[in-house]
Amino acid sequence: MAVIVIGGSGKDVGKTALTCAVIAALRELEWTAVKISGHEYEPGGAVRLLEEQVCEETRPGNETDTARYLAAGARRALLVMRSEAEIPMEEIRRAVGEDRNVIYESNRIVDVIKADVCLALMADDAKAKASFERLLRVADAVVSVGGMAEEVPMESRRFRLKSADQLSPEMVKWLRERLSN
């Protein structure tokens, strides 16, 4: 079983693009992709409610982040809409069920699970959210598009990408090695 967490320093830094790139690069793992959102997020028209705060996207496309996960090759795509700071882990566990490989797009999930790989996507020009500071402390790798911020912990692996939706061969190799252990 593989668990990946992808978080970011702020809104609109490319977390969904990076999540889709990882799904596409490691398609054989048949991911269940889970987006955890603390703000208003309108699910697409092709969803079914699984739990009170969890719905499942059923159609690939570009209309929503979860539809993009399916278009990238995810087996399933879930949207978790949390209304408070607390993440509804029991609802998520029930919705994920027996699925073996799960990729989460969230900063706060690192407060309640231990991931096999945690990726922190950093934007050069954004002020980091408090939840990103916690994610950064446990990140296995820091990913940036363009430059690399100076405050990256030295022990973290660093990847500089041309675009969040295009992983480097080096990063794909590193992910495969990390997940095969």
C-alpha atoms as a PDB file:
ATOM      1  CA  MET A   1       0.000   0.000   0.000  1.00  0.00           C
ATOM      2  CA  ALA A   2       1.283   3.453  -0.942  1.00  0.00           C
ATOM      3  CA  VAL A   3       0.193   6.756   0.576  1.00  0.00           C
ATOM      4  CA  ILE A   4       1.336  10.080  -0.869  1.00  0.00           C
ATOM      5  CA  VAL A   5       0.512  13.545   0.447  1.00  0.00           C
ATOM      6  CA  ILE A   6       0.856  16.606  -1.776  1.00  0.00           C
ATOM      7  CA  GLY A   7       0.489  20.006  -0.167  1.00  0.00           C
ATOM      8  CA  GLY A   8       1.366  23.531  -1.126  1.00  0.00           C
ATOM      9  CA  SER A   9       2.466  26.858   0.226  1.00  0.00           C
ATOM     10  CA  GLY A  10      -0.725  28.577  -0.842  1.00  0.00           C
ATOM     11  CA  LYS A  11      -3.815  28.575  -2.993  1.00  0.00           C
ATOM     12  CA  ASP A  12      -3.352  28.140  -6.745  1.00  0.00           C
ATOM     13  CA  VAL A  13       0.331  27.097  -6.588  1.00  0.00           C
ATOM     14  CA  GLY A  14      -0.227  23.956  -8.699  1.00  0.00           C
ATOM     15  CA  LYS A  15      -1.103  21.250  -6.151  1.00  0.00           C
ATOM     16  CA  THR A  16      -3.728  19.684  -8.412  1.00  0.00           C
ATOM     17  CA  ALA A  17      -1.409  19.777 -11.431  1.00  0.00           C
ATOM     18  CA  LEU A  18       1.335  18.076  -9.405  1.00  0.00           C
ATOM     19  CA  THR A  19      -1.118  15.494  -8.061  1.00  0.00           C
ATOM     20  CA  CYS A  20      -2.276  14.704 -11.603  1.00  0.00           C
ATOM     21  CA  ALA A  21       1.337  14.436 -12.800  1.00  0.00           C
ATOM     22  CA  VAL A  22       2.145  11.897 -10.063  1.00  0.00           C
ATOM     23  CA  ILE A  23      -1.008   9.904 -10.864  1.00  0.00           C
ATOM     24  CA  ALA A  24      -0.129   9.848 -14.571  1.00  0.00           C
ATOM     25  CA  ALA A  25       3.525   8.922 -13.958  1.00  0.00           C
ATOM     26  CA  LEU A  26       2.586   6.043 -11.620  1.00  0.00           C
ATOM     27  CA  ARG A  27      -0.647   4.919 -13.295  1.00  0.00           C
ATOM     28  CA  GLU A  28      -0.015   1.253 -12.550  1.00  0.00           C
ATOM     29  CA  LEU A  29      -0.707   1.967  -8.853  1.00  0.00           C
ATOM     30  CA  GLU A  30      -4.380   2.655  -9.660  1.00  0.00           C
ATOM     31  CA  TRP A  31      -4.662   5.597  -7.292  1.00  0.00           C
ATOM     32  CA  THR A  32      -7.587   6.711  -5.236  1.00  0.00           C
ATOM     33  CA  ALA A  33      -7.090  10.484  -5.199  1.00  0.00           C
ATOM     34  CA  VAL A  34      -8.535  12.493  -2.318  1.00  0.00           C
ATOM     35  CA  LYS A  35      -8.865  16.281  -2.328  1.00  0.00           C
ATOM     36  CA  ILE A  36      -9.483  17.769   1.112  1.00  0.00           C
ATOM     37  CA  SER A  37     -10.861  21.280   0.935  1.00  0.00           C
ATOM     38  CA  GLY A  38     -11.547  23.673   3.784  1.00  0.00           C
ATOM     39  CA  HIS A  39     -13.108  26.332   1.563  1.00  0.00           C
ATOM     40  CA  GLU A  40     -16.178  26.375  -0.590  1.00  0.00           C
ATOM     41  CA  TYR A  41     -15.621  23.972  -3.423  1.00  0.00           C
ATOM     42  CA  GLU A  42     -18.389  23.170  -5.827  1.00  0.00           C
ATOM     43  CA  PRO A  43     -18.358  19.495  -6.775  1.00  0.00           C
ATOM     44  CA  GLY A  44     -19.022  18.738 -10.428  1.00  0.00           C
ATOM     45  CA  GLY A  45     -22.306  17.408 -11.720  1.00  0.00           C
ATOM     46  CA  ALA A  46     -20.999  13.833 -11.928  1.00  0.00           C
ATOM     47  CA  VAL A  47     -20.645  13.002  -8.238  1.00  0.00           C
ATOM     48  CA  ARG A  48     -22.258  10.679  -5.742  1.00  0.00           C
ATOM     49  CA  LEU A  49     -22.371  11.284  -2.012  1.00  0.00           C
ATOM     50  CA  LEU A  50     -20.533   8.577  -0.049  1.00  0.00           C
ATOM     51  CA  GLU A  51     -20.495  10.120   3.412  1.00  0.00           C
ATOM     52  CA  GLU A  52     -21.787  13.353   4.890  1.00  0.00           C
ATOM     53  CA  GLN A  53     -18.616  15.256   3.907  1.00  0.00           C
ATOM     54  CA  VAL A  54     -17.269  12.974   1.174  1.00  0.00           C
ATOM     55  CA  CYS A  55     -18.397  12.650  -2.432  1.00  0.00           C
ATOM     56  CA  GLU A  56     -16.960  10.694  -5.335  1.00  0.00           C
ATOM     57  CA  GLU A  57     -16.369  12.122  -8.795  1.00  0.00           C
ATOM     58  CA  THR A  58     -17.616   9.742 -11.475  1.00  0.00           C
ATOM     59  CA  ARG A  59     -16.593  11.381 -14.750  1.00  0.00           C
ATOM     60  CA  PRO A  60     -13.132  12.461 -15.961  1.00  0.00           C
ATOM     61  CA  GLY A  61     -12.688  15.941 -17.358  1.00  0.00           C
ATOM     62  CA  ASN A  62     -11.287  19.397 -16.665  1.00  0.00           C
ATOM     63  CA  GLU A  63     -14.264  20.959 -14.857  1.00  0.00           C
ATOM     64  CA  THR A  64     -13.141  20.127 -11.299  1.00  0.00           C
ATOM     65  CA  ASP A  65      -9.948  19.050  -9.580  1.00  0.00           C
ATOM     66  CA  THR A  66     -11.404  15.609  -8.886  1.00  0.00           C
ATOM     67  CA  ALA A  67     -12.431  15.200 -12.539  1.00  0.00           C
ATOM     68  CA  ARG A  68      -8.842  16.078 -13.462  1.00  0.00           C
ATOM     69  CA  TYR A  69      -7.594  13.257 -11.199  1.00  0.00           C
ATOM     70  CA  LEU A  70      -9.710  10.772 -13.145  1.00  0.00           C
ATOM     71  CA  ALA A  71      -8.540  12.219 -16.463  1.00  0.00           C
ATOM     72  CA  ALA A  72      -4.930  11.737 -15.295  1.00  0.00           C
ATOM     73  CA  GLY A  73      -5.605   8.049 -14.643  1.00  0.00           C
ATOM     74  CA  ALA A  74      -6.830   7.763 -11.046  1.00  0.00           C
ATOM     75  CA  ARG A  75      -9.104   4.788 -10.428  1.00  0.00           C
ATOM     76  CA  ARG A  76     -11.252   6.827  -8.030  1.00  0.00           C
ATOM     77  CA  ALA A  77     -11.464  10.507  -7.042  1.00  0.00           C
ATOM     78  CA  LEU A  78     -12.946  11.740  -3.777  1.00  0.00           C
ATOM     79  CA  LEU A  79     -13.713  15.246  -2.544  1.00  0.00           C
ATOM     80  CA  VAL A  80     -13.748  15.852   1.209  1.00  0.00           C
ATOM     81  CA  MET A  81     -15.350  19.119   2.258  1.00  0.00           C
ATOM     82  CA  ARG A  82     -14.396  19.878   5.828  1.00  0.00           C
ATOM     83  CA  SER A  83     -16.306  22.625   7.554  1.00  0.00           C
ATOM     84  CA  GLU A  84     -13.965  22.948  10.527  1.00  0.00           C
ATOM     85  CA  ALA A  85     -10.239  22.562  11.114  1.00  0.00           C
ATOM     86  CA  GLU A  86     -10.677  18.884  11.951  1.00  0.00           C
ATOM     87  CA  ILE A  87     -10.332  16.368   9.131  1.00  0.00           C
ATOM     88  CA  PRO A  88     -13.151  13.759   9.092  1.00  0.00           C
ATOM     89  CA  MET A  89     -10.772  10.754   9.015  1.00  0.00           C
ATOM     90  CA  GLU A  90     -13.381   8.119   9.837  1.00  0.00           C
ATOM     91  CA  GLU A  91     -15.539   9.245   6.921  1.00  0.00           C
ATOM     92  CA  ILE A  92     -12.482   9.264   4.648  1.00  0.00           C
ATOM     93  CA  ARG A  93     -11.462   5.758   5.755  1.00  0.00           C
ATOM     94  CA  ARG A  94     -14.954   4.427   5.077  1.00  0.00           C
ATOM     95  CA  ALA A  95     -15.059   6.090   1.653  1.00  0.00           C
ATOM     96  CA  VAL A  96     -11.577   4.825   0.688  1.00  0.00           C
ATOM     97  CA  GLY A  97     -12.480   1.331   1.905  1.00  0.00           C
ATOM     98  CA  GLU A  98     -10.098  -1.370   0.720  1.00  0.00           C
ATOM     99  CA  ASP A  99      -8.339   0.799  -1.869  1.00  0.00           C
ATOM    100  CA  ARG A 100      -4.610   0.169  -1.626  1.00  0.00           C
ATOM    101  CA  ASN A 101      -2.929   3.272  -3.005  1.00  0.00           C
ATOM    102  CA  VAL A 102      -4.119   6.702  -1.913  1.00  0.00           C
ATOM    103  CA  ILE A 103      -2.843  10.138  -2.869  1.00  0.00           C
ATOM    104  CA  TYR A 104      -4.054  13.103  -0.807  1.00  0.00           C
ATOM    105  CA  GLU A 105      -4.057  16.738  -1.890  1.00  0.00           C
ATOM    106  CA  SER A 106      -3.975  18.486   1.459  1.00  0.00           C
ATOM    107  CA  ASN A 107      -1.624  20.200   3.888  1.00  0.00           C
ATOM    108  CA  ARG A 108      -3.497  19.320   7.058  1.00  0.00           C
ATOM    109  CA  ILE A 109      -3.728  15.567   6.444  1.00  0.00           C
ATOM    110  CA  VAL A 110      -0.158  15.197   7.766  1.00  0.00           C
ATOM    111  CA  ASP A 111      -1.577  15.981  11.222  1.00  0.00           C
ATOM    112  CA  VAL A 112      -3.531  12.696  11.207  1.00  0.00           C
ATOM    113  CA  ILE A 113      -1.744  10.215   8.915  1.00  0.00           C
ATOM    114  CA  LYS A 114       1.793   9.062   8.168  1.00  0.00           C
ATOM    115  CA  ALA A 115       2.507   9.129   4.444  1.00  0.00           C
ATOM    116  CA  ASP A 116       5.058   7.032   2.597  1.00  0.00           C
ATOM    117  CA  VAL A 117       5.950  10.156   0.608  1.00  0.00           C
ATOM    118  CA  CYS A 118       5.096  13.754   1.424  1.00  0.00           C
ATOM    119  CA  LEU A 119       5.656  16.399  -1.270  1.00  0.00           C
ATOM    120  CA  ALA A 120       5.601  20.121  -0.465  1.00  0.00           C
ATOM    121  CA  LEU A 121       4.971  22.355  -3.472  1.00  0.00           C
ATOM    122  CA  MET A 122       6.436  25.771  -2.866  1.00  0.00           C
ATOM    123  CA  ALA A 123       5.690  28.974  -4.721  1.00  0.00           C
ATOM    124  CA  ASP A 124       8.427  31.575  -4.719  1.00  0.00           C
ATOM    125  CA  ASP A 125       6.173  34.595  -4.392  1.00  0.00           C
ATOM    126  CA  ALA A 126       3.498  33.408  -1.950  1.00  0.00           C
ATOM    127  CA  LYS A 127       3.471  33.829   1.817  1.00  0.00           C
ATOM    128  CA  ALA A 128       3.215  30.312   3.204  1.00  0.00           C
ATOM    129  CA  LYS A 129       0.078  29.265   5.067  1.00  0.00           C
ATOM    130  CA  ALA A 130       0.490  28.015   8.669  1.00  0.00           C
ATOM    131  CA  SER A 131      -0.626  24.544   7.568  1.00  0.00           C
ATOM    132  CA  PHE A 132       2.215  24.536   5.022  1.00  0.00           C
ATOM    133  CA  GLU A 133       4.777  25.169   7.753  1.00  0.00           C
ATOM    134  CA  ARG A 134       3.621  21.935   9.477  1.00  0.00           C
ATOM    135  CA  LEU A 135       3.700  20.049   6.163  1.00  0.00           C
ATOM    136  CA  LEU A 136       7.181  21.352   5.387  1.00  0.00           C
ATOM    137  CA  ARG A 137       8.518  19.911   8.667  1.00  0.00           C
ATOM    138  CA  VAL A 138       7.567  16.359   7.580  1.00  0.00           C
ATOM    139  CA  ALA A 139       8.088  16.695   3.819  1.00  0.00           C
ATOM    140  CA  ASP A 140      10.294  14.123   2.116  1.00  0.00           C
ATOM    141  CA  ALA A 141      10.793  16.453  -0.836  1.00  0.00           C
ATOM    142  CA  VAL A 142      10.199  20.076  -1.700  1.00  0.00           C
ATOM    143  CA  VAL A 143       9.057  20.788  -5.234  1.00  0.00           C
ATOM    144  CA  SER A 144       9.248  24.188  -6.873  1.00  0.00           C
ATOM    145  CA  VAL A 145       8.363  25.489 -10.275  1.00  0.00           C
ATOM    146  CA  GLY A 146      11.096  27.848 -11.363  1.00  0.00           C
ATOM    147  CA  GLY A 147      13.265  28.968  -8.431  1.00  0.00           C
ATOM    148  CA  MET A 148      13.732  27.403  -5.008  1.00  0.00           C
ATOM    149  CA  ALA A 149      12.966  29.309  -1.829  1.00  0.00           C
ATOM    150  CA  GLU A 150      15.784  29.720   0.675  1.00  0.00           C
ATOM    151  CA  GLU A 151      13.863  28.524   3.753  1.00  0.00           C
ATOM    152  CA  VAL A 152      13.640  24.906   2.574  1.00  0.00           C
ATOM    153  CA  PRO A 153      14.888  22.487   5.256  1.00  0.00           C
ATOM    154  CA  MET A 154      18.320  21.225   4.205  1.00  0.00           C
ATOM    155  CA  GLU A 155      17.456  17.547   4.847  1.00  0.00           C
ATOM    156  CA  SER A 156      14.574  17.608   2.363  1.00  0.00           C
ATOM    157  CA  ARG A 157      15.080  16.364  -1.185  1.00  0.00           C
ATOM    158  CA  ARG A 158      14.558  19.149  -3.706  1.00  0.00           C
ATOM    159  CA  PHE A 159      13.043  19.010  -7.169  1.00  0.00           C
ATOM    160  CA  ARG A 160      12.821  22.005  -9.477  1.00  0.00           C
ATOM    161  CA  LEU A 161      10.287  21.488 -12.262  1.00  0.00           C
ATOM    162  CA  LYS A 162       9.601  23.530 -15.376  1.00  0.00           C
ATOM    163  CA  SER A 163       5.885  23.027 -14.767  1.00  0.00           C
ATOM    164  CA  ALA A 164       3.920  21.407 -11.917  1.00  0.00           C
ATOM    165  CA  ASP A 165       2.230  19.085 -14.410  1.00  0.00           C
ATOM    166  CA  GLN A 166       5.514  17.697 -15.805  1.00  0.00           C
ATOM    167  CA  LEU A 167       7.618  15.546 -13.487  1.00  0.00           C
ATOM    168  CA  SER A 168      11.299  15.152 -14.236  1.00  0.00           C
ATOM    169  CA  PRO A 169      12.587  11.612 -14.932  1.00  0.00           C
ATOM    170  CA  GLU A 170      14.722  11.989 -11.791  1.00  0.00           C
ATOM    171  CA  MET A 171      11.630  12.697  -9.672  1.00  0.00           C
ATOM    172  CA  VAL A 172       9.688   9.758 -11.131  1.00  0.00           C
ATOM    173  CA  LYS A 173      12.630   7.453 -10.404  1.00  0.00           C
ATOM    174  CA  TRP A 174      12.880   8.793  -6.833  1.00  0.00           C
ATOM    175  CA  LEU A 175       9.127   8.279  -6.264  1.00  0.00           C
ATOM    176  CA  ARG A 176       9.278   4.704  -7.562  1.00  0.00           C
ATOM    177  CA  GLU A 177      12.223   3.931  -5.273  1.00  0.00           C
ATOM    178  CA  ARG A 178      10.532   5.484  -2.226  1.00  0.00           C
ATOM    179  CA  LEU A 179       7.294   3.603  -2.823  1.00  0.00           C
ATOM    180  CA  SER A 180       8.961   0.243  -3.476  1.00  0.00           C
ATOM    181  CA  ASN A 181      10.512   0.087   0.020  1.00  0.00           C
END
